[in-house]
Amino acid sequence: MSEYEKLVERYIEVWNETDPAARRAAIDALFTEDVTFVDPMSAVKGQAEIDWMIGGVQAQFPGFVISRLGAVDGHHDQARFGWEMGLPGQDAPVAGFDVVTVAGDGRVNQVLGFLDRVPPQG
């Protein structure tokens, strides 16, 4: 498994961690203090805001899990990967891909997210 694949595995584990204390510890280990995260739904900065955002997504979509789709492509301290989010054993209503950049200390310092599939808004 490449270093980029290991990084993405940890990233997905953070998103799926429902215990707030364990999630925050994993966030602090994975992301730099000044990390930025931007996707069509959010723009946050810092570990605390990432934690708040993930907690909000988990509250909005209880029981949903994120899974990686396809291979991880990485070079020059950046990686991209597809993902989907849904209830286990069912078709995932949400999918997208993220691009992450990695700081010199090996932690993620930027996430650029894109949504490819979202549920219809009522």
N, C-alpha and C. Protein backbone atom coordinates (compact mmCIF):
# COMPACT_ATOMS: atom_id res chain seq x y z
N MET A 1 0.85 -1.17 0.00
CA MET A 1 0.00 0.00 0.00
C MET A 1 0.90 1.24 0.00
N SER A 2 0.61 2.19 -0.89
CA SER A 2 1.43 3.40 -0.99
C SER A 2 1.16 4.33 0.20
N GLU A 3 2.04 5.27 0.40
CA GLU A 3 1.84 6.27 1.46
C GLU A 3 0.56 7.07 1.22
N TYR A 4 0.26 7.35 -0.04
CA TYR A 4 -0.97 8.08 -0.36
C TYR A 4 -2.20 7.24 0.00
N GLU A 5 -2.16 5.95 -0.29
CA GLU A 5 -3.29 5.08 0.06
C GLU A 5 -3.47 5.02 1.57
N LYS A 6 -2.37 4.93 2.32
CA LYS A 6 -2.45 4.93 3.78
C LYS A 6 -3.06 6.22 4.30
N LEU A 7 -2.66 7.33 3.71
CA LEU A 7 -3.18 8.64 4.11
C LEU A 7 -4.69 8.71 3.87
N VAL A 8 -5.12 8.25 2.71
CA VAL A 8 -6.55 8.28 2.38
C VAL A 8 -7.34 7.34 3.29
N GLU A 9 -6.77 6.19 3.63
CA GLU A 9 -7.44 5.28 4.58
C GLU A 9 -7.68 6.00 5.91
N ARG A 10 -6.67 6.70 6.40
CA ARG A 10 -6.81 7.43 7.65
C ARG A 10 -7.85 8.54 7.50
N TYR A 11 -7.87 9.22 6.38
CA TYR A 11 -8.83 10.29 6.11
C TYR A 11 -10.26 9.74 6.18
N ILE A 12 -10.49 8.62 5.54
CA ILE A 12 -11.82 8.02 5.55
C ILE A 12 -12.19 7.54 6.95
N GLU A 13 -11.22 7.00 7.68
CA GLU A 13 -11.48 6.58 9.06
C GLU A 13 -11.93 7.76 9.92
N VAL A 14 -11.32 8.92 9.71
CA VAL A 14 -11.72 10.13 10.46
C VAL A 14 -13.20 10.44 10.18
N TRP A 15 -13.58 10.41 8.90
CA TRP A 15 -14.95 10.73 8.54
C TRP A 15 -15.95 9.72 9.12
N ASN A 16 -15.52 8.48 9.32
CA ASN A 16 -16.42 7.45 9.82
C ASN A 16 -16.38 7.30 11.34
N GLU A 17 -15.50 8.00 12.01
CA GLU A 17 -15.38 7.90 13.48
C GLU A 17 -16.53 8.68 14.13
N THR A 18 -17.37 7.98 14.88
CA THR A 18 -18.53 8.62 15.50
C THR A 18 -18.30 9.01 16.96
N ASP A 19 -17.26 8.49 17.58
CA ASP A 19 -16.94 8.90 18.95
C ASP A 19 -16.24 10.26 18.89
N PRO A 20 -16.83 11.31 19.47
CA PRO A 20 -16.27 12.65 19.33
C PRO A 20 -14.82 12.78 19.80
N ALA A 21 -14.47 12.17 20.92
CA ALA A 21 -13.10 12.29 21.43
C ALA A 21 -12.11 11.56 20.52
N ALA A 22 -12.48 10.38 20.06
CA ALA A 22 -11.61 9.62 19.17
C ALA A 22 -11.48 10.33 17.82
N ARG A 23 -12.59 10.90 17.33
CA ARG A 23 -12.54 11.63 16.07
C ARG A 23 -11.62 12.84 16.17
N ARG A 24 -11.74 13.58 17.26
CA ARG A 24 -10.89 14.77 17.41
C ARG A 24 -9.42 14.39 17.50
N ALA A 25 -9.10 13.33 18.22
CA ALA A 25 -7.71 12.87 18.31
C ALA A 25 -7.19 12.48 16.93
N ALA A 26 -8.02 11.79 16.14
CA ALA A 26 -7.62 11.39 14.79
C ALA A 26 -7.45 12.60 13.88
N ILE A 27 -8.32 13.59 14.03
CA ILE A 27 -8.20 14.84 13.26
C ILE A 27 -6.89 15.53 13.59
N ASP A 28 -6.58 15.65 14.86
CA ASP A 28 -5.34 16.33 15.26
C ASP A 28 -4.10 15.60 14.72
N ALA A 29 -4.18 14.27 14.63
CA ALA A 29 -3.04 13.50 14.11
C ALA A 29 -2.94 13.58 12.59
N LEU A 30 -4.06 13.72 11.89
CA LEU A 30 -4.06 13.68 10.43
C LEU A 30 -3.90 15.04 9.78
N PHE A 31 -4.48 16.08 10.37
CA PHE A 31 -4.53 17.40 9.75
C PHE A 31 -3.62 18.39 10.47
N THR A 32 -3.04 19.33 9.72
CA THR A 32 -2.27 20.40 10.33
C THR A 32 -3.22 21.34 11.07
N GLU A 33 -2.67 22.14 11.96
CA GLU A 33 -3.48 23.08 12.73
C GLU A 33 -4.21 24.07 11.82
N ASP A 34 -3.58 24.46 10.70
CA ASP A 34 -4.15 25.48 9.82
C ASP A 34 -4.78 24.89 8.55
N VAL A 35 -5.16 23.61 8.60
CA VAL A 35 -5.76 22.95 7.45
C VAL A 35 -6.95 23.73 6.92
N THR A 36 -7.11 23.72 5.60
CA THR A 36 -8.30 24.30 4.98
C THR A 36 -9.06 23.19 4.25
N PHE A 37 -10.38 23.28 4.28
CA PHE A 37 -11.26 22.32 3.62
C PHE A 37 -12.32 23.11 2.88
N VAL A 38 -12.41 22.90 1.56
CA VAL A 38 -13.38 23.62 0.75
C VAL A 38 -14.06 22.62 -0.17
N ASP A 39 -15.39 22.59 -0.13
CA ASP A 39 -16.18 21.84 -1.09
C ASP A 39 -17.43 22.67 -1.39
N PRO A 40 -18.32 22.20 -2.25
CA PRO A 40 -19.49 23.01 -2.59
C PRO A 40 -20.39 23.37 -1.40
N MET A 41 -20.30 22.60 -0.30
CA MET A 41 -21.18 22.82 0.84
C MET A 41 -20.50 23.53 2.01
N SER A 42 -19.17 23.53 2.04
CA SER A 42 -18.44 24.02 3.22
C SER A 42 -17.15 24.70 2.83
N ALA A 43 -16.72 25.59 3.69
CA ALA A 43 -15.38 26.18 3.62
C ALA A 43 -14.97 26.42 5.07
N VAL A 44 -14.06 25.58 5.57
CA VAL A 44 -13.65 25.68 6.96
C VAL A 44 -12.13 25.71 7.05
N LYS A 45 -11.65 26.18 8.21
CA LYS A 45 -10.22 26.26 8.44
C LYS A 45 -9.91 25.82 9.86
N GLY A 46 -8.92 24.96 9.98
CA GLY A 46 -8.46 24.52 11.29
C GLY A 46 -9.08 23.21 11.73
N GLN A 47 -8.42 22.56 12.65
CA GLN A 47 -8.84 21.25 13.12
C GLN A 47 -10.22 21.29 13.79
N ALA A 48 -10.48 22.32 14.59
CA ALA A 48 -11.76 22.41 15.30
C ALA A 48 -12.92 22.54 14.32
N GLU A 49 -12.74 23.34 13.27
CA GLU A 49 -13.81 23.50 12.28
C GLU A 49 -14.02 22.23 11.46
N ILE A 50 -12.95 21.51 11.16
CA ILE A 50 -13.08 20.22 10.47
C ILE A 50 -13.90 19.27 11.36
N ASP A 51 -13.58 19.23 12.64
CA ASP A 51 -14.30 18.38 13.58
C ASP A 51 -15.78 18.76 13.61
N TRP A 52 -16.07 20.03 13.70
CA TRP A 52 -17.45 20.54 13.72
C TRP A 52 -18.18 20.14 12.45
N MET A 53 -17.51 20.28 11.29
CA MET A 53 -18.13 19.96 10.00
C MET A 53 -18.45 18.47 9.91
N ILE A 54 -17.50 17.61 10.27
CA ILE A 54 -17.73 16.17 10.19
C ILE A 54 -18.85 15.76 11.15
N GLY A 55 -18.84 16.31 12.35
CA GLY A 55 -19.93 16.03 13.28
C GLY A 55 -21.28 16.44 12.72
N GLY A 56 -21.32 17.57 12.02
CA GLY A 56 -22.56 18.03 11.41
C GLY A 56 -23.04 17.11 10.31
N VAL A 57 -22.12 16.63 9.48
CA VAL A 57 -22.48 15.68 8.42
C VAL A 57 -23.01 14.39 9.03
N GLN A 58 -22.35 13.91 10.08
CA GLN A 58 -22.81 12.69 10.73
C GLN A 58 -24.19 12.87 11.35
N ALA A 59 -24.49 14.05 11.90
CA ALA A 59 -25.82 14.31 12.46
C ALA A 59 -26.88 14.39 11.37
N GLN A 60 -26.52 14.96 10.22
CA GLN A 60 -27.45 15.10 9.11
C GLN A 60 -27.74 13.76 8.43
N PHE A 61 -26.73 12.88 8.42
CA PHE A 61 -26.85 11.59 7.74
C PHE A 61 -26.50 10.46 8.72
N PRO A 62 -27.34 10.22 9.72
CA PRO A 62 -27.02 9.20 10.72
C PRO A 62 -26.88 7.81 10.11
N GLY A 63 -25.83 7.11 10.52
CA GLY A 63 -25.59 5.75 10.06
C GLY A 63 -24.86 5.65 8.74
N PHE A 64 -24.69 6.77 8.04
CA PHE A 64 -23.99 6.74 6.76
C PHE A 64 -22.50 6.53 7.00
N VAL A 65 -21.87 5.84 6.07
CA VAL A 65 -20.42 5.66 6.11
C VAL A 65 -19.84 6.08 4.77
N ILE A 66 -18.59 6.48 4.81
CA ILE A 66 -17.87 6.87 3.60
C ILE A 66 -16.94 5.73 3.23
N SER A 67 -16.92 5.41 1.94
CA SER A 67 -16.04 4.37 1.40
C SER A 67 -15.27 4.95 0.22
N ARG A 68 -14.06 4.48 0.05
CA ARG A 68 -13.26 4.93 -1.09
C ARG A 68 -13.79 4.26 -2.35
N LEU A 69 -13.79 5.02 -3.44
CA LEU A 69 -14.14 4.50 -4.76
C LEU A 69 -12.89 4.52 -5.63
N GLY A 70 -12.48 3.38 -6.13
CA GLY A 70 -11.36 3.34 -7.07
C GLY A 70 -10.02 3.54 -6.40
N ALA A 71 -9.05 3.80 -7.24
CA ALA A 71 -7.66 3.92 -6.81
C ALA A 71 -7.35 5.33 -6.29
N VAL A 72 -6.30 5.41 -5.51
CA VAL A 72 -5.76 6.69 -5.06
C VAL A 72 -4.66 7.07 -6.04
N ASP A 73 -4.69 8.28 -6.53
CA ASP A 73 -3.68 8.79 -7.45
C ASP A 73 -2.91 9.90 -6.73
N GLY A 74 -1.60 9.73 -6.57
CA GLY A 74 -0.83 10.73 -5.85
C GLY A 74 0.53 11.01 -6.46
N HIS A 75 0.96 12.25 -6.31
CA HIS A 75 2.31 12.66 -6.69
C HIS A 75 2.59 14.03 -6.08
N HIS A 76 3.86 14.35 -5.87
CA HIS A 76 4.29 15.67 -5.40
C HIS A 76 3.47 16.18 -4.21
N ASP A 77 3.32 15.36 -3.19
CA ASP A 77 2.62 15.75 -1.96
C ASP A 77 1.16 16.12 -2.17
N GLN A 78 0.53 15.49 -3.14
CA GLN A 78 -0.91 15.66 -3.34
C GLN A 78 -1.50 14.34 -3.81
N ALA A 79 -2.76 14.14 -3.46
CA ALA A 79 -3.45 12.91 -3.85
C ALA A 79 -4.90 13.23 -4.17
N ARG A 80 -5.46 12.42 -5.05
CA ARG A 80 -6.89 12.53 -5.35
C ARG A 80 -7.50 11.14 -5.27
N PHE A 81 -8.78 11.12 -4.88
CA PHE A 81 -9.46 9.85 -4.71
C PHE A 81 -10.96 10.07 -4.74
N GLY A 82 -11.67 9.07 -5.22
CA GLY A 82 -13.12 9.10 -5.21
C GLY A 82 -13.66 8.46 -3.95
N TRP A 83 -14.87 8.83 -3.58
CA TRP A 83 -15.51 8.29 -2.39
C TRP A 83 -17.03 8.29 -2.61
N GLU A 84 -17.71 7.52 -1.79
CA GLU A 84 -19.16 7.56 -1.76
C GLU A 84 -19.63 7.45 -0.32
N MET A 85 -20.84 7.95 -0.07
CA MET A 85 -21.37 7.97 1.29
C MET A 85 -22.81 7.48 1.27
N GLY A 86 -23.09 6.51 2.14
CA GLY A 86 -24.45 5.99 2.24
C GLY A 86 -24.57 5.00 3.37
N LEU A 87 -25.74 4.43 3.50
CA LEU A 87 -25.98 3.41 4.51
C LEU A 87 -25.35 2.10 4.05
N PRO A 88 -24.72 1.37 4.96
CA PRO A 88 -24.10 0.10 4.58
C PRO A 88 -25.09 -0.84 3.91
N GLY A 89 -24.66 -1.47 2.82
CA GLY A 89 -25.49 -2.44 2.12
C GLY A 89 -26.51 -1.84 1.17
N GLN A 90 -26.53 -0.51 1.03
CA GLN A 90 -27.47 0.15 0.14
C GLN A 90 -26.70 1.00 -0.87
N ASP A 91 -27.37 1.38 -1.97
CA ASP A 91 -26.75 2.28 -2.93
C ASP A 91 -26.46 3.61 -2.24
N ALA A 92 -25.27 4.13 -2.46
CA ALA A 92 -24.86 5.39 -1.83
C ALA A 92 -25.44 6.57 -2.60
N PRO A 93 -26.20 7.44 -1.93
CA PRO A 93 -26.79 8.58 -2.62
C PRO A 93 -25.82 9.75 -2.85
N VAL A 94 -24.67 9.72 -2.17
CA VAL A 94 -23.70 10.83 -2.29
C VAL A 94 -22.37 10.26 -2.74
N ALA A 95 -21.74 10.93 -3.69
CA ALA A 95 -20.41 10.53 -4.15
C ALA A 95 -19.65 11.76 -4.62
N GLY A 96 -18.35 11.67 -4.57
CA GLY A 96 -17.53 12.77 -5.05
C GLY A 96 -16.08 12.36 -5.09
N PHE A 97 -15.22 13.37 -5.19
CA PHE A 97 -13.79 13.10 -5.08
C PHE A 97 -13.13 14.26 -4.38
N ASP A 98 -12.04 13.95 -3.71
CA ASP A 98 -11.29 14.96 -2.97
C ASP A 98 -9.85 14.97 -3.45
N VAL A 99 -9.25 16.13 -3.37
CA VAL A 99 -7.82 16.31 -3.60
C VAL A 99 -7.25 16.82 -2.29
N VAL A 100 -6.22 16.16 -1.79
CA VAL A 100 -5.58 16.59 -0.55
C VAL A 100 -4.12 16.93 -0.84
N THR A 101 -3.61 17.92 -0.13
CA THR A 101 -2.18 18.21 -0.18
C THR A 101 -1.59 17.91 1.18
N VAL A 102 -0.32 17.53 1.16
CA VAL A 102 0.35 17.04 2.36
C VAL A 102 1.49 18.00 2.72
N ALA A 103 1.53 18.40 3.98
CA ALA A 103 2.58 19.28 4.49
C ALA A 103 3.87 18.48 4.70
N GLY A 104 4.93 19.17 4.98
CA GLY A 104 6.22 18.53 5.20
C GLY A 104 6.23 17.53 6.34
N ASP A 105 5.33 17.70 7.31
CA ASP A 105 5.29 16.77 8.45
C ASP A 105 4.42 15.54 8.17
N GLY A 106 3.90 15.43 6.93
CA GLY A 106 3.11 14.27 6.55
C GLY A 106 1.62 14.39 6.82
N ARG A 107 1.20 15.53 7.39
CA ARG A 107 -0.23 15.72 7.66
C ARG A 107 -0.89 16.49 6.52
N VAL A 108 -2.19 16.32 6.40
CA VAL A 108 -2.96 17.00 5.37
C VAL A 108 -3.10 18.47 5.75
N ASN A 109 -2.79 19.36 4.78
CA ASN A 109 -2.94 20.79 5.06
C ASN A 109 -3.99 21.46 4.17
N GLN A 110 -4.54 20.71 3.20
CA GLN A 110 -5.59 21.27 2.35
C GLN A 110 -6.42 20.14 1.78
N VAL A 111 -7.74 20.36 1.75
CA VAL A 111 -8.67 19.44 1.11
C VAL A 111 -9.53 20.26 0.16
N LEU A 112 -9.59 19.81 -1.09
CA LEU A 112 -10.48 20.39 -2.09
C LEU A 112 -11.45 19.30 -2.48
N GLY A 113 -12.73 19.50 -2.17
CA GLY A 113 -13.72 18.47 -2.40
C GLY A 113 -14.67 18.82 -3.53
N PHE A 114 -15.11 17.80 -4.24
CA PHE A 114 -16.06 17.96 -5.34
C PHE A 114 -17.16 16.92 -5.17
N LEU A 115 -18.39 17.33 -5.42
CA LEU A 115 -19.54 16.43 -5.32
C LEU A 115 -19.99 16.03 -6.71
N ASP A 116 -20.05 14.74 -6.96
CA ASP A 116 -20.48 14.22 -8.25
C ASP A 116 -21.92 13.74 -8.24
N ARG A 117 -22.37 13.29 -7.06
CA ARG A 117 -23.73 12.76 -6.93
C ARG A 117 -24.27 13.20 -5.58
N VAL A 118 -25.42 13.86 -5.61
CA VAL A 118 -26.08 14.28 -4.36
C VAL A 118 -27.56 13.95 -4.47
N PRO A 119 -28.21 13.71 -3.33
CA PRO A 119 -29.65 13.41 -3.39
C PRO A 119 -30.42 14.65 -3.82
N PRO A 120 -31.55 14.45 -4.49
CA PRO A 120 -32.36 15.60 -4.89
C PRO A 120 -32.85 16.37 -3.67
N GLN A 121 -32.88 17.66 -3.79
CA GLN A 121 -33.36 18.52 -2.70
C GLN A 121 -34.85 18.72 -2.85
N GLY A 122 -35.57 18.55 -1.74
CA GLY A 122 -37.03 18.64 -1.77
C GLY A 122 -37.58 19.97 -1.50
